[in-house]
Amino acid sequence: MRKDRLVITPSTTIPDAAKMMEQHGVVGLPVERDGVVTYSVTRHDLLRARIGLGVGMGIDP
């Protein structure tokens, strides 16, 4: 279990989120907006967004 929080924001780019997942060996990240976790993204979500099957180029839905 981590002592520091590993979160991203809606403005985090897909490449940055993917890099963070790879560096920390995780397959999903919580997305925090205004200090509250509003949703999470997985590697699958990032892949779909990257190839144009899901959300746009940002994480924000």
N, C-alpha and C. Protein backbone atom coordinates (compact mmCIF):
# COMPACT_ATOMS: atom_id res chain seq x y z
N MET A 1 0.84 -1.18 0.00
CA MET A 1 0.00 0.00 0.00
C MET A 1 0.89 1.25 0.00
N ARG A 2 0.45 2.25 -0.75
CA ARG A 2 1.23 3.48 -0.86
C ARG A 2 0.88 4.43 0.27
N LYS A 3 1.89 5.17 0.75
CA LYS A 3 1.64 6.21 1.74
C LYS A 3 1.27 7.53 1.08
N ASP A 4 1.85 7.79 -0.10
CA ASP A 4 1.50 9.01 -0.84
C ASP A 4 0.36 8.69 -1.80
N ARG A 5 -0.44 9.69 -2.10
CA ARG A 5 -1.58 9.48 -2.99
C ARG A 5 -1.14 9.59 -4.44
N LEU A 6 -1.58 8.67 -5.23
CA LEU A 6 -1.28 8.65 -6.65
C LEU A 6 -2.57 8.97 -7.38
N VAL A 7 -2.73 10.23 -7.79
CA VAL A 7 -3.95 10.67 -8.47
C VAL A 7 -3.58 11.54 -9.66
N ILE A 8 -4.52 11.68 -10.58
CA ILE A 8 -4.36 12.60 -11.70
C ILE A 8 -5.53 13.58 -11.67
N THR A 9 -5.46 14.59 -12.52
CA THR A 9 -6.53 15.58 -12.61
C THR A 9 -7.15 15.50 -14.01
N PRO A 10 -8.29 16.13 -14.21
CA PRO A 10 -8.91 16.11 -15.54
C PRO A 10 -8.01 16.70 -16.64
N SER A 11 -7.06 17.54 -16.27
CA SER A 11 -6.18 18.14 -17.28
C SER A 11 -4.95 17.29 -17.59
N THR A 12 -4.77 16.17 -16.90
CA THR A 12 -3.64 15.28 -17.17
C THR A 12 -3.78 14.70 -18.57
N THR A 13 -2.70 14.72 -19.34
CA THR A 13 -2.75 14.20 -20.70
C THR A 13 -2.69 12.67 -20.69
N ILE A 14 -3.13 12.08 -21.78
CA ILE A 14 -3.10 10.62 -21.91
C ILE A 14 -1.67 10.10 -21.79
N PRO A 15 -0.69 10.69 -22.51
CA PRO A 15 0.68 10.19 -22.36
C PRO A 15 1.20 10.29 -20.92
N ASP A 16 0.87 11.38 -20.23
CA ASP A 16 1.33 11.55 -18.85
C ASP A 16 0.69 10.52 -17.92
N ALA A 17 -0.60 10.26 -18.10
CA ALA A 17 -1.29 9.26 -17.28
C ALA A 17 -0.71 7.87 -17.54
N ALA A 18 -0.48 7.55 -18.81
CA ALA A 18 0.09 6.24 -19.16
C ALA A 18 1.49 6.08 -18.58
N LYS A 19 2.28 7.13 -18.64
CA LYS A 19 3.64 7.10 -18.09
C LYS A 19 3.60 6.88 -16.58
N MET A 20 2.68 7.56 -15.90
CA MET A 20 2.55 7.41 -14.46
C MET A 20 2.15 5.97 -14.11
N MET A 21 1.22 5.40 -14.86
CA MET A 21 0.81 4.02 -14.62
C MET A 21 1.99 3.07 -14.78
N GLU A 22 2.76 3.28 -15.84
CA GLU A 22 3.92 2.42 -16.09
C GLU A 22 4.97 2.56 -14.99
N GLN A 23 5.27 3.78 -14.61
CA GLN A 23 6.30 4.03 -13.60
C GLN A 23 5.94 3.43 -12.24
N HIS A 24 4.66 3.44 -11.91
CA HIS A 24 4.24 2.99 -10.59
C HIS A 24 3.64 1.58 -10.60
N GLY A 25 3.58 0.96 -11.78
CA GLY A 25 3.09 -0.41 -11.87
C GLY A 25 1.62 -0.57 -11.50
N VAL A 26 0.81 0.40 -11.90
CA VAL A 26 -0.63 0.33 -11.62
C VAL A 26 -1.39 0.28 -12.94
N VAL A 27 -2.62 -0.21 -12.89
CA VAL A 27 -3.43 -0.32 -14.10
C VAL A 27 -4.60 0.66 -14.10
N GLY A 28 -4.72 1.46 -13.05
CA GLY A 28 -5.77 2.46 -12.98
C GLY A 28 -5.36 3.60 -12.07
N LEU A 29 -5.95 4.76 -12.33
CA LEU A 29 -5.66 5.94 -11.51
C LEU A 29 -6.95 6.68 -11.19
N PRO A 30 -7.09 7.13 -9.94
CA PRO A 30 -8.23 7.97 -9.61
C PRO A 30 -8.03 9.37 -10.18
N VAL A 31 -9.12 9.99 -10.57
CA VAL A 31 -9.08 11.35 -11.11
C VAL A 31 -9.70 12.27 -10.06
N GLU A 32 -8.91 13.25 -9.63
CA GLU A 32 -9.34 14.15 -8.57
C GLU A 32 -9.68 15.52 -9.15
N ARG A 33 -10.83 16.03 -8.75
CA ARG A 33 -11.26 17.37 -9.16
C ARG A 33 -11.69 18.12 -7.91
N ASP A 34 -11.08 19.27 -7.67
CA ASP A 34 -11.39 20.09 -6.49
C ASP A 34 -11.25 19.31 -5.19
N GLY A 35 -10.23 18.47 -5.11
CA GLY A 35 -9.96 17.72 -3.89
C GLY A 35 -10.80 16.48 -3.68
N VAL A 36 -11.65 16.15 -4.65
CA VAL A 36 -12.53 14.99 -4.53
C VAL A 36 -12.29 14.05 -5.72
N VAL A 37 -12.17 12.76 -5.44
CA VAL A 37 -12.04 11.79 -6.52
C VAL A 37 -13.41 11.65 -7.18
N THR A 38 -13.46 11.97 -8.46
CA THR A 38 -14.74 11.96 -9.18
C THR A 38 -14.92 10.72 -10.05
N TYR A 39 -13.85 10.12 -10.49
CA TYR A 39 -13.91 8.90 -11.28
C TYR A 39 -12.51 8.34 -11.38
N SER A 40 -12.33 7.24 -12.09
CA SER A 40 -11.01 6.67 -12.29
C SER A 40 -10.85 6.26 -13.75
N VAL A 41 -9.62 6.15 -14.17
CA VAL A 41 -9.33 5.69 -15.53
C VAL A 41 -8.41 4.48 -15.44
N THR A 42 -8.54 3.61 -16.44
CA THR A 42 -7.70 2.42 -16.51
C THR A 42 -6.85 2.49 -17.78
N ARG A 43 -5.91 1.57 -17.88
CA ARG A 43 -5.11 1.50 -19.11
C ARG A 43 -6.01 1.29 -20.31
N HIS A 44 -7.04 0.50 -20.15
CA HIS A 44 -7.99 0.26 -21.24
C HIS A 44 -8.65 1.57 -21.69
N ASP A 45 -9.07 2.39 -20.73
CA ASP A 45 -9.66 3.69 -21.06
C ASP A 45 -8.69 4.56 -21.86
N LEU A 46 -7.43 4.56 -21.42
CA LEU A 46 -6.42 5.38 -22.10
C LEU A 46 -6.17 4.88 -23.52
N LEU A 47 -6.14 3.57 -23.69
CA LEU A 47 -5.95 3.00 -25.02
C LEU A 47 -7.10 3.38 -25.94
N ARG A 48 -8.33 3.24 -25.46
CA ARG A 48 -9.50 3.60 -26.27
C ARG A 48 -9.46 5.08 -26.65
N ALA A 49 -9.09 5.93 -25.71
CA ALA A 49 -9.02 7.36 -26.00
C ALA A 49 -7.91 7.65 -27.00
N ARG A 50 -6.80 6.98 -26.86
CA ARG A 50 -5.64 7.21 -27.73
C ARG A 50 -5.95 6.84 -29.19
N ILE A 51 -6.71 5.76 -29.39
CA ILE A 51 -7.00 5.34 -30.77
C ILE A 51 -8.32 5.91 -31.27
N GLY A 52 -8.95 6.76 -30.46
CA GLY A 52 -10.14 7.45 -30.92
C GLY A 52 -11.46 6.73 -30.73
N LEU A 53 -11.50 5.76 -29.82
CA LEU A 53 -12.75 5.03 -29.60
C LEU A 53 -13.50 5.50 -28.37
N GLY A 54 -12.92 6.43 -27.63
CA GLY A 54 -13.57 6.86 -26.39
C GLY A 54 -13.50 8.35 -26.25
N VAL A 55 -13.08 8.80 -25.09
CA VAL A 55 -12.98 10.22 -24.80
C VAL A 55 -11.95 10.88 -25.69
N GLY A 56 -11.91 12.21 -25.69
CA GLY A 56 -10.96 12.97 -26.51
C GLY A 56 -9.53 12.78 -26.04
N MET A 57 -8.66 13.70 -26.41
CA MET A 57 -7.24 13.57 -26.10
C MET A 57 -6.92 13.88 -24.64
N GLY A 58 -7.84 14.47 -23.89
CA GLY A 58 -7.63 14.70 -22.46
C GLY A 58 -8.36 13.64 -21.66
N ILE A 59 -8.22 13.67 -20.37
CA ILE A 59 -8.86 12.70 -19.50
C ILE A 59 -10.28 13.14 -19.17
N ASP A 60 -10.56 14.43 -19.23
CA ASP A 60 -11.84 14.98 -18.84
C ASP A 60 -12.98 14.40 -19.69
N PRO A 61 -14.02 13.84 -19.03
CA PRO A 61 -15.12 13.25 -19.81
C PRO A 61 -16.02 14.30 -20.44
